[in-house]
Amino acid sequence: MTRIAFIGGGNMARSLIGGLIKTGVAAANLRVAEPLAQAREALGREFGLATYADNRQAVADADVLVLAVKPQVMPAIYAELRDTLQRNRPLLISIAAGVRIDQLERWFGNLLPIVRCMPNTPALIGAGATGLCANLRVTPPQREQAQHILDAVGVTRWIQDEAQMDTVTALSGSGPAYFFAIVEALEDAAVAQGLPRDTARILATQTCLGAGRMLVESNEAPSVLRQRVTSPHGTTQAALESFAADQLPRVVARAVAAATRRGAELADALDKD
């Protein structure tokens, strides 16, 4: 059985571990390195897997290594693990936001098969959306391994051109925050029209949940579903015309472009550290 080690036992690692166990992966094949004793103990109790304070112990016999750490922690991680990984050459899966494959190759060694992933926070409830890209050393079975791990917390899509990962980050990585901002604005707008806040919140929240489910379950394009809700000269059309007058598509396009640029800037900053 494939032995999977996680470096970092935070929320995303916990979600992946829980998802893998639900798909039938035995806890005996999973292990986690986590510096905080309280977090280690909680992981051991919840999932019944081996936990370590020492990163090298956790990865000693791993077939797959998942880097579930913040980008700024990478220098300490690669200084500690580079020699071990060069000897064992496991599949390296990074979910560190904005860290490029060429940076991972430089830090951990260019002989490693590496998959870079960009999951998002809905993965915490099994509803994530993840983009993945791989270097040329990743074999087809290893691609399947990586996809299986990330499929455990939602949907996955392979990205052929790594340059597009900054757009993935701007779309699905940051996207939940855009959605929350829109729901927040809907709630505030309804309160301004006289609805009690608790009523406005529950109606806005449930409306967005229902609309999201319709998108996923109907397999229809959003434009088709939008048209079905819109009656000529009705209330929906009035609201959509207001959106158009305020150039909503351009507002969204500028926001996604800004997030894409920032993702590239953050990756470039790691080269200067």
Foldseek 3Di string as FASTA:
>chain_A
DAAEEEEAQDLLVLLLLVLVVVVPDQLASYEYAHQDPVSQVVSCVVRVHHYHVQPCVRCQPHQEYEYPDEPVCVVVVLVRCQVSCVVNQHEYEYQHFLADPVNVCVRNNVLHKYKYKHWADQLSVLAIEMEIEIDPNQDPVNVVVVLVSSNSRHDYDYDHDVLCVLLVCLPRHCPVVVVVVVLVVQLVVVVVVPDPSVVSNVVSVVVVVVVVCCCVVVVDDPVVVLVVVDDVPDPSVVVVVVCVVVPVVVVSVVSSVVSSVVSNVVNVVSVVD
